[in-house]
PDB file of N, CA and C in Angstrom:
ATOM      1  N   GLN A   1      65.121 109.338  90.532  1.00  0.00           N
ATOM      2  CA  GLN A   1      66.389 109.636  89.902  1.00  0.00           C
ATOM      3  C   GLN A   1      66.556 111.152  89.799  1.00  0.00           C
ATOM      4  N   VAL A   2      67.648 111.645  90.341  1.00  0.00           N
ATOM      5  CA  VAL A   2      67.912 113.069  90.306  1.00  0.00           C
ATOM      6  C   VAL A   2      68.433 113.454  88.927  1.00  0.00           C
ATOM      7  N   GLN A   3      67.934 114.542  88.408  1.00  0.00           N
ATOM      8  CA  GLN A   3      68.400 115.038  87.102  1.00  0.00           C
ATOM      9  C   GLN A   3      68.894 116.469  87.227  1.00  0.00           C
ATOM     10  N   MET A   4      69.980 116.736  86.533  1.00  0.00           N
ATOM     11  CA  MET A   4      70.525 118.078  86.427  1.00  0.00           C
ATOM     12  C   MET A   4      70.509 118.420  84.944  1.00  0.00           C
ATOM     13  N   VAL A   5      69.786 119.436  84.570  1.00  0.00           N
ATOM     14  CA  VAL A   5      69.615 119.766  83.157  1.00  0.00           C
ATOM     15  C   VAL A   5      70.238 121.128  82.873  1.00  0.00           C
ATOM     16  N   GLU A   6      71.272 121.122  82.027  1.00  0.00           N
ATOM     17  CA  GLU A   6      71.964 122.352  81.660  1.00  0.00           C
ATOM     18  C   GLU A   6      71.419 122.916  80.356  1.00  0.00           C
ATOM     19  N   SER A   7      71.561 124.207  80.199  1.00  0.00           N
ATOM     20  CA  SER A   7      71.193 124.870  78.957  1.00  0.00           C
ATOM     21  C   SER A   7      72.010 126.153  78.822  1.00  0.00           C
ATOM     22  N   GLY A   8      72.041 126.695  77.608  1.00  0.00           N
ATOM     23  CA  GLY A   8      72.681 127.990  77.401  1.00  0.00           C
ATOM     24  C   GLY A   8      74.005 127.972  76.693  1.00  0.00           C
ATOM     25  N   GLY A   9      74.542 126.792  76.404  1.00  0.00           N
ATOM     26  CA  GLY A   9      75.804 126.740  75.686  1.00  0.00           C
ATOM     27  C   GLY A   9      75.632 127.122  74.226  1.00  0.00           C
ATOM     28  N   GLY A  10      76.751 127.236  73.522  1.00  0.00           N
ATOM     29  CA  GLY A  10      76.685 127.572  72.110  1.00  0.00           C
ATOM     30  C   GLY A  10      78.000 128.094  71.586  1.00  0.00           C
ATOM     31  N   LEU A  11      77.928 128.678  70.402  1.00  0.00           N
ATOM     32  CA  LEU A  11      79.099 129.242  69.729  1.00  0.00           C
ATOM     33  C   LEU A  11      79.048 130.757  69.849  1.00  0.00           C
ATOM     34  N   VAL A  12      80.165 131.346  70.260  1.00  0.00           N
ATOM     35  CA  VAL A  12      80.218 132.795  70.428  1.00  0.00           C
ATOM     36  C   VAL A  12      81.607 133.281  70.029  1.00  0.00           C
ATOM     37  N   GLN A  13      81.686 134.504  69.581  1.00  0.00           N
ATOM     38  CA  GLN A  13      82.980 135.075  69.234  1.00  0.00           C
ATOM     39  C   GLN A  13      83.712 135.531  70.491  1.00  0.00           C
ATOM     40  N   ALA A  14      85.012 135.586  70.394  1.00  0.00           N
ATOM     41  CA  ALA A  14      85.813 136.083  71.504  1.00  0.00           C
ATOM     42  C   ALA A  14      85.332 137.473  71.915  1.00  0.00           C
ATOM     43  N   GLY A  15      85.237 137.675  73.225  1.00  0.00           N
ATOM     44  CA  GLY A  15      84.721 138.924  73.752  1.00  0.00           C
ATOM     45  C   GLY A  15      83.233 138.904  74.032  1.00  0.00           C
ATOM     46  N   GLY A  16      82.569 137.878  73.559  1.00  0.00           N
ATOM     47  CA  GLY A  16      81.133 137.764  73.747  1.00  0.00           C
ATOM     48  C   GLY A  16      80.754 137.188  75.097  1.00  0.00           C
ATOM     49  N   SER A  17      79.439 136.952  75.250  1.00  0.00           N
ATOM     50  CA  SER A  17      78.904 136.483  76.524  1.00  0.00           C
ATOM     51  C   SER A  17      77.937 135.331  76.316  1.00  0.00           C
ATOM     52  N   LEU A  18      77.846 134.500  77.331  1.00  0.00           N
ATOM     53  CA  LEU A  18      76.856 133.424  77.394  1.00  0.00           C
ATOM     54  C   LEU A  18      76.405 133.282  78.836  1.00  0.00           C
ATOM     55  N   ARG A  19      75.202 132.783  79.007  1.00  0.00           N
ATOM     56  CA  ARG A  19      74.690 132.496  80.336  1.00  0.00           C
ATOM     57  C   ARG A  19      74.239 131.041  80.374  1.00  0.00           C
ATOM     58  N   LEU A  20      74.885 130.266  81.215  1.00  0.00           N
ATOM     59  CA  LEU A  20      74.503 128.875  81.395  1.00  0.00           C
ATOM     60  C   LEU A  20      73.532 128.754  82.561  1.00  0.00           C
ATOM     61  N   SER A  21      72.581 127.835  82.407  1.00  0.00           N
ATOM     62  CA  SER A  21      71.634 127.545  83.476  1.00  0.00           C
ATOM     63  C   SER A  21      71.658 126.047  83.762  1.00  0.00           C
ATOM     64  N   CYS A  22      71.372 125.700  85.008  1.00  0.00           N
ATOM     65  CA  CYS A  22      71.310 124.294  85.392  1.00  0.00           C
ATOM     66  C   CYS A  22      70.170 124.127  86.389  1.00  0.00           C
ATOM     67  N   ALA A  23      69.169 123.379  85.989  1.00  0.00           N
ATOM     68  CA  ALA A  23      68.012 123.154  86.840  1.00  0.00           C
ATOM     69  C   ALA A  23      68.078 121.754  87.435  1.00  0.00           C
ATOM     70  N   ALA A  24      67.916 121.674  88.740  1.00  0.00           N
ATOM     71  CA  ALA A  24      67.913 120.376  89.422  1.00  0.00           C
ATOM     72  C   ALA A  24      66.479 119.914  89.621  1.00  0.00           C
ATOM     73  N   SER A  25      66.273 118.620  89.507  1.00  0.00           N
ATOM     74  CA  SER A  25      64.915 118.095  89.573  1.00  0.00           C
ATOM     75  C   SER A  25      64.394 117.996  90.992  1.00  0.00           C
ATOM     76  N   ALA A  26      65.301 117.968  91.971  1.00  0.00           N
ATOM     77  CA  ALA A  26      64.892 117.769  93.352  1.00  0.00           C
ATOM     78  C   ALA A  26      65.067 119.054  94.164  1.00  0.00           C
ATOM     79  N   GLY A  27      64.049 119.445  94.897  1.00  0.00           N
ATOM     80  CA  GLY A  27      64.108 120.666  95.665  1.00  0.00           C
ATOM     81  C   GLY A  27      65.119 120.635  96.784  1.00  0.00           C
ATOM     82  N   THR A  28      65.554 119.439  97.216  1.00  0.00           N
ATOM     83  CA  THR A  28      66.495 119.352  98.325  1.00  0.00           C
ATOM     84  C   THR A  28      67.844 119.956  97.979  1.00  0.00           C
ATOM     85  N   PHE A  29      68.117 120.196  96.692  1.00  0.00           N
ATOM     86  CA  PHE A  29      69.398 120.786  96.326  1.00  0.00           C
ATOM     87  C   PHE A  29      69.542 122.214  96.811  1.00  0.00           C
ATOM     88  N   ASN A  30      68.465 122.770  97.290  1.00  0.00           N
ATOM     89  CA  ASN A  30      68.563 124.096  97.876  1.00  0.00           C
ATOM     90  C   ASN A  30      69.480 124.116  99.082  1.00  0.00           C
ATOM     91  N   ARG A  31      69.759 122.939  99.667  1.00  0.00           N
ATOM     92  CA  ARG A  31      70.599 122.876 100.859  1.00  0.00           C
ATOM     93  C   ARG A  31      72.005 122.353 100.545  1.00  0.00           C
ATOM     94  N   TYR A  32      72.360 122.270  99.266  1.00  0.00           N
ATOM     95  CA  TYR A  32      73.652 121.711  98.877  1.00  0.00           C
ATOM     96  C   TYR A  32      74.443 122.713  98.044  1.00  0.00           C
ATOM     97  N   PRO A  33      75.768 122.677  98.164  1.00  0.00           N
ATOM     98  CA  PRO A  33      76.583 123.535  97.304  1.00  0.00           C
ATOM     99  C   PRO A  33      76.460 123.078  95.849  1.00  0.00           C
ATOM    100  N   MET A  34      76.713 123.997  94.937  1.00  0.00           N
ATOM    101  CA  MET A  34      76.641 123.710  93.514  1.00  0.00           C
ATOM    102  C   MET A  34      77.923 124.192  92.845  1.00  0.00           C
ATOM    103  N   GLY A  35      78.249 123.555  91.736  1.00  0.00           N
ATOM    104  CA  GLY A  35      79.463 123.946  91.043  1.00  0.00           C
ATOM    105  C   GLY A  35      79.330 123.845  89.543  1.00  0.00           C
ATOM    106  N   TRP A  36      80.167 124.597  88.860  1.00  0.00           N
ATOM    107  CA  TRP A  36      80.329 124.479  87.411  1.00  0.00           C
ATOM    108  C   TRP A  36      81.755 124.011  87.140  1.00  0.00           C
ATOM    109  N   PHE A  37      81.857 123.013  86.285  1.00  0.00           N
ATOM    110  CA  PHE A  37      83.149 122.470  85.880  1.00  0.00           C
ATOM    111  C   PHE A  37      83.233 122.524  84.364  1.00  0.00           C
ATOM    112  N   ARG A  38      84.430 122.386  83.828  1.00  0.00           N
ATOM    113  CA  ARG A  38      84.585 122.310  82.381  1.00  0.00           C
ATOM    114  C   ARG A  38      85.674 121.310  82.025  1.00  0.00           C
ATOM    115  N   GLN A  39      85.517 120.763  80.835  1.00  0.00           N
ATOM    116  CA  GLN A  39      86.462 119.766  80.357  1.00  0.00           C
ATOM    117  C   GLN A  39      86.713 119.985  78.873  1.00  0.00           C
ATOM    118  N   ALA A  40      87.953 120.295  78.555  1.00  0.00           N
ATOM    119  CA  ALA A  40      88.364 120.444  77.160  1.00  0.00           C
ATOM    120  C   ALA A  40      88.881 119.100  76.660  1.00  0.00           C
ATOM    121  N   PRO A  41      88.902 118.886  75.345  1.00  0.00           N
ATOM    122  CA  PRO A  41      89.379 117.613  74.799  1.00  0.00           C
ATOM    123  C   PRO A  41      90.782 117.266  75.283  1.00  0.00           C
ATOM    124  N   GLY A  42      90.933 116.056  75.791  1.00  0.00           N
ATOM    125  CA  GLY A  42      92.225 115.594  76.252  1.00  0.00           C
ATOM    126  C   GLY A  42      92.656 116.110  77.601  1.00  0.00           C
ATOM    127  N   LYS A  43      91.767 116.835  78.271  1.00  0.00           N
ATOM    128  CA  LYS A  43      92.121 117.415  79.572  1.00  0.00           C
ATOM    129  C   LYS A  43      91.176 116.903  80.652  1.00  0.00           C
ATOM    130  N   GLU A  44      91.573 117.115  81.899  1.00  0.00           N
ATOM    131  CA  GLU A  44      90.734 116.700  83.018  1.00  0.00           C
ATOM    132  C   GLU A  44      89.589 117.688  83.232  1.00  0.00           C
ATOM    133  N   ARG A  45      88.599 117.214  83.944  1.00  0.00           N
ATOM    134  CA  ARG A  45      87.487 118.074  84.315  1.00  0.00           C
ATOM    135  C   ARG A  45      87.898 118.916  85.524  1.00  0.00           C
ATOM    136  N   ASP A  46      87.833 120.215  85.369  1.00  0.00           N
ATOM    137  CA  ASP A  46      88.277 121.129  86.416  1.00  0.00           C
ATOM    138  C   ASP A  46      87.170 122.096  86.815  1.00  0.00           C
ATOM    139  N   VAL A  47      87.262 122.559  88.040  1.00  0.00           N
ATOM    140  CA  VAL A  47      86.275 123.505  88.527  1.00  0.00           C
ATOM    141  C   VAL A  47      86.438 124.846  87.830  1.00  0.00           C
ATOM    142  N   VAL A  48      85.305 125.483  87.568  1.00  0.00           N
ATOM    143  CA  VAL A  48      85.287 126.850  87.053  1.00  0.00           C
ATOM    144  C   VAL A  48      84.845 127.788  88.174  1.00  0.00           C
ATOM    145  N   ALA A  49      83.729 127.405  88.835  1.00  0.00           N
ATOM    146  CA  ALA A  49      83.183 128.216  89.918  1.00  0.00           C
ATOM    147  C   ALA A  49      82.315 127.341  90.795  1.00  0.00           C
ATOM    148  N   ALA A  50      82.191 127.735  92.045  1.00  0.00           N
ATOM    149  CA  ALA A  50      81.351 126.991  92.973  1.00  0.00           C
ATOM    150  C   ALA A  50      80.663 127.976  93.903  1.00  0.00           C
ATOM    151  N   ILE A  51      79.527 127.536  94.439  1.00  0.00           N
ATOM    152  CA  ILE A  51      78.743 128.411  95.300  1.00  0.00           C
ATOM    153  C   ILE A  51      78.216 127.597  96.479  1.00  0.00           C
ATOM    154  N   SER A  52      78.243 128.189  97.655  1.00  0.00           N
ATOM    155  CA  SER A  52      77.759 127.502  98.847  1.00  0.00           C
ATOM    156  C   SER A  52      76.247 127.318  98.780  1.00  0.00           C
ATOM    157  N   TRP A  53      75.727 126.519  99.689  1.00  0.00           N
ATOM    158  CA  TRP A  53      74.307 126.205  99.630  1.00  0.00           C
ATOM    159  C   TRP A  53      73.432 127.450  99.769  1.00  0.00           C
ATOM    160  N   SER A  54      73.890 128.423 100.546  1.00  0.00           N
ATOM    161  CA  SER A  54      73.106 129.638 100.766  1.00  0.00           C
ATOM    162  C   SER A  54      73.352 130.693  99.694  1.00  0.00           C
ATOM    163  N   GLY A  55      74.413 130.491  98.910  1.00  0.00           N
ATOM    164  CA  GLY A  55      74.788 131.515  97.945  1.00  0.00           C
ATOM    165  C   GLY A  55      75.673 132.595  98.519  1.00  0.00           C
ATOM    166  N   GLY A  56      75.985 132.476  99.802  1.00  0.00           N
ATOM    167  CA  GLY A  56      76.756 133.516 100.462  1.00  0.00           C
ATOM    168  C   GLY A  56      78.238 133.504 100.169  1.00  0.00           C
ATOM    169  N   ARG A  57      78.718 132.386  99.640  1.00  0.00           N
ATOM    170  CA  ARG A  57      80.142 132.298  99.340  1.00  0.00           C
ATOM    171  C   ARG A  57      80.341 131.690  97.966  1.00  0.00           C
ATOM    172  N   THR A  58      81.237 132.283  97.205  1.00  0.00           N
ATOM    173  CA  THR A  58      81.562 131.776  95.876  1.00  0.00           C
ATOM    174  C   THR A  58      83.072 131.673  95.727  1.00  0.00           C
ATOM    175  N   VAL A  59      83.495 130.761  94.904  1.00  0.00           N
ATOM    176  CA  VAL A  59      84.913 130.625  94.571  1.00  0.00           C
ATOM    177  C   VAL A  59      85.037 130.469  93.064  1.00  0.00           C
ATOM    178  N   TYR A  60      86.168 130.942  92.526  1.00  0.00           N
ATOM    179  CA  TYR A  60      86.412 130.895  91.085  1.00  0.00           C
ATOM    180  C   TYR A  60      87.843 130.446  90.818  1.00  0.00           C
ATOM    181  N   VAL A  61      88.007 129.765  89.695  1.00  0.00           N
ATOM    182  CA  VAL A  61      89.363 129.502  89.235  1.00  0.00           C
ATOM    183  C   VAL A  61      89.956 130.829  88.786  1.00  0.00           C
ATOM    184  N   GLU A  62      91.250 130.986  88.963  1.00  0.00           N
ATOM    185  CA  GLU A  62      91.893 132.278  88.726  1.00  0.00           C
ATOM    186  C   GLU A  62      91.633 132.810  87.318  1.00  0.00           C
ATOM    187  N   SER A  63      91.602 131.924  86.346  1.00  0.00           N
ATOM    188  CA  SER A  63      91.507 132.358  84.949  1.00  0.00           C
ATOM    189  C   SER A  63      90.168 132.984  84.578  1.00  0.00           C
ATOM    190  N   VAL A  64      89.147 132.824  85.416  1.00  0.00           N
ATOM    191  CA  VAL A  64      87.832 133.387  85.082  1.00  0.00           C
ATOM    192  C   VAL A  64      87.412 134.501  86.026  1.00  0.00           C
ATOM    193  N   LYS A  65      88.219 134.776  87.028  1.00  0.00           N
ATOM    194  CA  LYS A  65      87.872 135.829  87.985  1.00  0.00           C
ATOM    195  C   LYS A  65      87.687 137.161  87.260  1.00  0.00           C
ATOM    196  N   GLY A  66      86.609 137.844  87.602  1.00  0.00           N
ATOM    197  CA  GLY A  66      86.299 139.121  86.976  1.00  0.00           C
ATOM    198  C   GLY A  66      85.540 139.003  85.674  1.00  0.00           C
ATOM    199  N   ARG A  67      85.436 137.797  85.137  1.00  0.00           N
ATOM    200  CA  ARG A  67      84.712 137.591  83.875  1.00  0.00           C
ATOM    201  C   ARG A  67      83.456 136.728  84.059  1.00  0.00           C
ATOM    202  N   PHE A  68      83.521 135.747  84.953  1.00  0.00           N
ATOM    203  CA  PHE A  68      82.407 134.827  85.180  1.00  0.00           C
ATOM    204  C   PHE A  68      81.776 135.109  86.539  1.00  0.00           C
ATOM    205  N   THR A  69      80.467 134.858  86.616  1.00  0.00           N
ATOM    206  CA  THR A  69      79.747 135.002  87.877  1.00  0.00           C
ATOM    207  C   THR A  69      78.815 133.811  88.064  1.00  0.00           C
ATOM    208  N   ILE A  70      78.950 133.149  89.194  1.00  0.00           N
ATOM    209  CA  ILE A  70      78.046 132.055  89.537  1.00  0.00           C
ATOM    210  C   ILE A  70      76.995 132.586  90.499  1.00  0.00           C
ATOM    211  N   SER A  71      75.767 132.123  90.325  1.00  0.00           N
ATOM    212  CA  SER A  71      74.688 132.529  91.219  1.00  0.00           C
ATOM    213  C   SER A  71      73.677 131.395  91.276  1.00  0.00           C
ATOM    214  N   ARG A  72      72.758 131.490  92.219  1.00  0.00           N
ATOM    215  CA  ARG A  72      71.739 130.458  92.348  1.00  0.00           C
ATOM    216  C   ARG A  72      70.427 131.078  92.764  1.00  0.00           C
ATOM    217  N   ASP A  73      69.346 130.420  92.332  1.00  0.00           N
ATOM    218  CA  ASP A  73      67.996 130.794  92.729  1.00  0.00           C
ATOM    219  C   ASP A  73      67.401 129.554  93.380  1.00  0.00           C
ATOM    220  N   ASN A  74      67.429 129.516  94.686  1.00  0.00           N
ATOM    221  CA  ASN A  74      66.977 128.311  95.385  1.00  0.00           C
ATOM    222  C   ASN A  74      65.478 128.073  95.219  1.00  0.00           C
ATOM    223  N   ALA A  75      64.731 129.097  94.993  1.00  0.00           N
ATOM    224  CA  ALA A  75      63.297 128.928  94.778  1.00  0.00           C
ATOM    225  C   ALA A  75      63.024 128.149  93.492  1.00  0.00           C
ATOM    226  N   LYS A  76      63.958 128.247  92.552  1.00  0.00           N
ATOM    227  CA  LYS A  76      63.814 127.543  91.277  1.00  0.00           C
ATOM    228  C   LYS A  76      64.746 126.336  91.175  1.00  0.00           C
ATOM    229  N   SER A  77      65.514 126.056  92.238  1.00  0.00           N
ATOM    230  CA  SER A  77      66.495 124.955  92.212  1.00  0.00           C
ATOM    231  C   SER A  77      67.395 125.067  90.996  1.00  0.00           C
ATOM    232  N   THR A  78      67.860 126.262  90.723  1.00  0.00           N
ATOM    233  CA  THR A  78      68.636 126.532  89.514  1.00  0.00           C
ATOM    234  C   THR A  78      69.909 127.289  89.863  1.00  0.00           C
ATOM    235  N   VAL A  79      70.988 126.905  89.205  1.00  0.00           N
ATOM    236  CA  VAL A  79      72.257 127.612  89.346  1.00  0.00           C
ATOM    237  C   VAL A  79      72.648 128.159  87.974  1.00  0.00           C
ATOM    238  N   TYR A  80      73.281 129.325  87.970  1.00  0.00           N
ATOM    239  CA  TYR A  80      73.637 130.012  86.734  1.00  0.00           C
ATOM    240  C   TYR A  80      75.138 130.259  86.671  1.00  0.00           C
ATOM    241  N   LEU A  81      75.625 130.387  85.451  1.00  0.00           N
ATOM    242  CA  LEU A  81      76.995 130.835  85.239  1.00  0.00           C
ATOM    243  C   LEU A  81      76.966 131.887  84.140  1.00  0.00           C
ATOM    244  N   GLU A  82      77.168 133.137  84.539  1.00  0.00           N
ATOM    245  CA  GLU A  82      77.236 134.241  83.601  1.00  0.00           C
ATOM    246  C   GLU A  82      78.674 134.374  83.147  1.00  0.00           C
ATOM    247  N   MET A  83      78.891 134.286  81.823  1.00  0.00           N
ATOM    248  CA  MET A  83      80.253 134.305  81.289  1.00  0.00           C
ATOM    249  C   MET A  83      80.398 135.494  80.340  1.00  0.00           C
ATOM    250  N   ASN A  84      81.290 136.396  80.677  1.00  0.00           N
ATOM    251  CA  ASN A  84      81.553 137.579  79.873  1.00  0.00           C
ATOM    252  C   ASN A  84      83.006 137.590  79.406  1.00  0.00           C
ATOM    253  N   SER A  85      83.270 138.412  78.414  1.00  0.00           N
ATOM    254  CA  SER A  85      84.630 138.548  77.868  1.00  0.00           C
ATOM    255  C   SER A  85      85.235 137.181  77.572  1.00  0.00           C
ATOM    256  N   LEU A  86      84.470 136.366  76.898  1.00  0.00           N
ATOM    257  CA  LEU A  86      84.901 134.992  76.638  1.00  0.00           C
ATOM    258  C   LEU A  86      86.130 134.959  75.741  1.00  0.00           C
ATOM    259  N   LYS A  87      86.968 133.958  76.007  1.00  0.00           N
ATOM    260  CA  LYS A  87      88.210 133.768  75.271  1.00  0.00           C
ATOM    261  C   LYS A  87      88.206 132.387  74.620  1.00  0.00           C
ATOM    262  N   PRO A  88      88.973 132.206  73.565  1.00  0.00           N
ATOM    263  CA  PRO A  88      89.032 130.875  72.935  1.00  0.00           C
ATOM    264  C   PRO A  88      89.425 129.769  73.926  1.00  0.00           C
ATOM    265  N   GLU A  89      90.246 130.086  74.898  1.00  0.00           N
ATOM    266  CA  GLU A  89      90.650 129.076  75.878  1.00  0.00           C
ATOM    267  C   GLU A  89      89.537 128.682  76.845  1.00  0.00           C
ATOM    268  N   ASP A  90      88.404 129.365  76.776  1.00  0.00           N
ATOM    269  CA  ASP A  90      87.237 128.965  77.567  1.00  0.00           C
ATOM    270  C   ASP A  90      86.444 127.854  76.881  1.00  0.00           C
ATOM    271  N   THR A  91      86.816 127.527  75.673  1.00  0.00           N
ATOM    272  CA  THR A  91      86.122 126.476  74.930  1.00  0.00           C
ATOM    273  C   THR A  91      86.238 125.139  75.645  1.00  0.00           C
ATOM    274  N   ALA A  92      85.087 124.522  75.919  1.00  0.00           N
ATOM    275  CA  ALA A  92      85.037 123.255  76.648  1.00  0.00           C
ATOM    276  C   ALA A  92      83.592 122.811  76.760  1.00  0.00           C
ATOM    277  N   VAL A  93      83.418 121.598  77.261  1.00  0.00           N
ATOM    278  CA  VAL A  93      82.100 121.161  77.700  1.00  0.00           C
ATOM    279  C   VAL A  93      81.957 121.565  79.166  1.00  0.00           C
ATOM    280  N   TYR A  94      80.886 122.261  79.469  1.00  0.00           N
ATOM    281  CA  TYR A  94      80.638 122.750  80.817  1.00  0.00           C
ATOM    282  C   TYR A  94      79.595 121.866  81.508  1.00  0.00           C
ATOM    283  N   PHE A  95      79.906 121.481  82.737  1.00  0.00           N
ATOM    284  CA  PHE A  95      79.043 120.620  83.529  1.00  0.00           C
ATOM    285  C   PHE A  95      78.635 121.315  84.822  1.00  0.00           C
ATOM    286  N   CYS A  96      77.390 121.170  85.206  1.00  0.00           N
ATOM    287  CA  CYS A  96      77.010 121.590  86.547  1.00  0.00           C
ATOM    288  C   CYS A  96      76.959 120.353  87.433  1.00  0.00           C
ATOM    289  N   ALA A  97      77.090 120.583  88.727  1.00  0.00           N
ATOM    290  CA  ALA A  97      77.113 119.476  89.667  1.00  0.00           C
ATOM    291  C   ALA A  97      76.564 119.920  91.012  1.00  0.00           C
ATOM    292  N   ALA A  98      75.980 118.960  91.711  1.00  0.00           N
ATOM    293  CA  ALA A  98      75.444 119.201  93.052  1.00  0.00           C
ATOM    294  C   ALA A  98      76.333 118.504  94.076  1.00  0.00           C
ATOM    295  N   GLY A  99      76.654 119.229  95.140  1.00  0.00           N
ATOM    296  CA  GLY A  99      77.579 118.725  96.142  1.00  0.00           C
ATOM    297  C   GLY A  99      77.035 117.592  96.986  1.00  0.00           C
ATOM    298  N   ARG A 100      77.952 116.882  97.670  1.00  0.00           N
ATOM    299  CA  ARG A 100      77.596 115.752  98.527  1.00  0.00           C
ATOM    300  C   ARG A 100      77.175 116.183  99.918  1.00  0.00           C
ATOM    301  N   THR A 101      77.653 117.336 100.362  1.00  0.00           N
ATOM    302  CA  THR A 101      77.514 117.701 101.770  1.00  0.00           C
ATOM    303  C   THR A 101      76.400 118.709 101.984  1.00  0.00           C
ATOM    304  N   ARG A 102      75.392 118.292 102.718  1.00  0.00           N
ATOM    305  CA  ARG A 102      74.277 119.190 103.022  1.00  0.00           C
ATOM    306  C   ARG A 102      74.787 120.383 103.820  1.00  0.00           C
ATOM    307  N   LEU A 103      74.344 121.550 103.441  1.00  0.00           N
ATOM    308  CA  LEU A 103      74.753 122.813 104.063  1.00  0.00           C
ATOM    309  C   LEU A 103      76.269 123.030 103.963  1.00  0.00           C
ATOM    310  N   GLY A 104      76.850 122.445 102.910  1.00  0.00           N
ATOM    311  CA  GLY A 104      78.287 122.516 102.770  1.00  0.00           C
ATOM    312  C   GLY A 104      78.775 123.791 102.111  1.00  0.00           C
ATOM    313  N   PRO A 105      80.103 124.017 102.158  1.00  0.00           N
ATOM    314  CA  PRO A 105      80.698 125.201 101.543  1.00  0.00           C
ATOM    315  C   PRO A 105      80.854 125.016 100.033  1.00  0.00           C
ATOM    316  N   ALA A 106      81.305 126.067  99.381  1.00  0.00           N
ATOM    317  CA  ALA A 106      81.600 125.980  97.959  1.00  0.00           C
ATOM    318  C   ALA A 106      82.835 125.105  97.778  1.00  0.00           C
ATOM    319  N   ALA A 107      82.684 123.968  97.151  1.00  0.00           N
ATOM    320  CA  ALA A 107      83.770 123.001  97.017  1.00  0.00           C
ATOM    321  C   ALA A 107      84.327 123.012  95.597  1.00  0.00           C
ATOM    322  N   THR A 108      85.624 122.677  95.483  1.00  0.00           N
ATOM    323  CA  THR A 108      86.272 122.794  94.177  1.00  0.00           C
ATOM    324  C   THR A 108      86.780 121.491  93.594  1.00  0.00           C
ATOM    325  N   SER A 109      86.594 120.381  94.312  1.00  0.00           N
ATOM    326  CA  SER A 109      87.048 119.088  93.794  1.00  0.00           C
ATOM    327  C   SER A 109      85.885 118.305  93.221  1.00  0.00           C
ATOM    328  N   THR A 110      86.121 117.567  92.145  1.00  0.00           N
ATOM    329  CA  THR A 110      85.057 116.733  91.588  1.00  0.00           C
ATOM    330  C   THR A 110      84.591 115.704  92.609  1.00  0.00           C
ATOM    331  N   ARG A 111      85.474 115.322  93.533  1.00  0.00           N
ATOM    332  CA  ARG A 111      85.113 114.321  94.539  1.00  0.00           C
ATOM    333  C   ARG A 111      84.058 114.829  95.514  1.00  0.00           C
ATOM    334  N   ASP A 112      83.899 116.143  95.589  1.00  0.00           N
ATOM    335  CA  ASP A 112      82.924 116.730  96.499  1.00  0.00           C
ATOM    336  C   ASP A 112      81.528 116.809  95.897  1.00  0.00           C
ATOM    337  N   TYR A 113      81.372 116.333  94.678  1.00  0.00           N
ATOM    338  CA  TYR A 113      80.092 116.450  93.986  1.00  0.00           C
ATOM    339  C   TYR A 113      79.535 115.082  93.636  1.00  0.00           C
ATOM    340  N   GLU A 114      78.223 114.962  93.770  1.00  0.00           N
ATOM    341  CA  GLU A 114      77.600 113.656  93.594  1.00  0.00           C
ATOM    342  C   GLU A 114      76.779 113.545  92.318  1.00  0.00           C
ATOM    343  N   TYR A 115      76.038 114.587  91.992  1.00  0.00           N
ATOM    344  CA  TYR A 115      75.159 114.534  90.817  1.00  0.00           C
ATOM    345  C   TYR A 115      75.662 115.503  89.762  1.00  0.00           C
ATOM    346  N   TRP A 116      75.643 115.023  88.517  1.00  0.00           N
ATOM    347  CA  TRP A 116      76.198 115.787  87.403  1.00  0.00           C
ATOM    348  C   TRP A 116      75.199 115.923  86.270  1.00  0.00           C
ATOM    349  N   GLY A 117      75.267 117.070  85.595  1.00  0.00           N
ATOM    350  CA  GLY A 117      74.495 117.237  84.382  1.00  0.00           C
ATOM    351  C   GLY A 117      75.174 116.561  83.209  1.00  0.00           C
ATOM    352  N   GLN A 118      74.524 116.616  82.056  1.00  0.00           N
ATOM    353  CA  GLN A 118      75.027 115.932  80.873  1.00  0.00           C
ATOM    354  C   GLN A 118      76.092 116.744  80.141  1.00  0.00           C
ATOM    355  N   GLY A 119      76.206 118.009  80.489  1.00  0.00           N
ATOM    356  CA  GLY A 119      77.206 118.871  79.871  1.00  0.00           C
ATOM    357  C   GLY A 119      76.626 119.676  78.721  1.00  0.00           C
ATOM    358  N   THR A 120      77.162 120.863  78.541  1.00  0.00           N
ATOM    359  CA  THR A 120      76.765 121.715  77.432  1.00  0.00           C
ATOM    360  C   THR A 120      78.021 122.315  76.803  1.00  0.00           C
ATOM    361  N   GLN A 121      78.078 122.291  75.484  1.00  0.00           N
ATOM    362  CA  GLN A 121      79.282 122.730  74.778  1.00  0.00           C
ATOM    363  C   GLN A 121      79.319 124.248  74.683  1.00  0.00           C
ATOM    364  N   VAL A 122      80.450 124.805  75.027  1.00  0.00           N
ATOM    365  CA  VAL A 122      80.722 126.224  74.828  1.00  0.00           C
ATOM    366  C   VAL A 122      81.931 126.332  73.907  1.00  0.00           C
ATOM    367  N   THR A 123      81.733 127.006  72.782  1.00  0.00           N
ATOM    368  CA  THR A 123      82.812 127.183  71.816  1.00  0.00           C
ATOM    369  C   THR A 123      83.015 128.671  71.572  1.00  0.00           C
ATOM    370  N   VAL A 124      84.236 129.140  71.776  1.00  0.00           N
ATOM    371  CA  VAL A 124      84.565 130.548  71.589  1.00  0.00           C
ATOM    372  C   VAL A 124      85.534 130.649  70.414  1.00  0.00           C
ATOM    373  N   SER A 125      85.101 131.338  69.388  1.00  0.00           N
ATOM    374  CA  SER A 125      85.942 131.489  68.195  1.00  0.00           C
ATOM    375  C   SER A 125      86.780 132.757  68.291  1.00  0.00           C
ATOM    376  N   SER A 126      87.958 132.693  67.689  1.00  0.00           N
ATOM    377  CA  SER A 126      88.867 133.847  67.750  1.00  0.00           C
ATOM    378  C   SER A 126      88.646 134.799  66.597  1.00  0.00           C
TER     379      SER A 126
END
């Protein structure tokens, strides 16, 4: 059974920073794209950032460009999301996910991802 374990969420004031981590249990994820998604109460789960299997390409939702950075360490089967200048509207449960397509590009649809973490709460106070 593949496991994706997230950590790093919490409560932070507006303007602050958090770093999320997601460790995959299987080393084969080094060949798959990874993504971070978020879901606020009453809203759909949407992509925040995604990274190709090699780390050479990243994509971001417009609202986080310049503030968030996605990266990966394939030696550790871990993907990160560095979040700076946090805003109250960033408040959500954040999920990491592993893509379906081996050697695939950075994908932005939930349909492109097969394995999901349990989610970690990020709360930004004003």
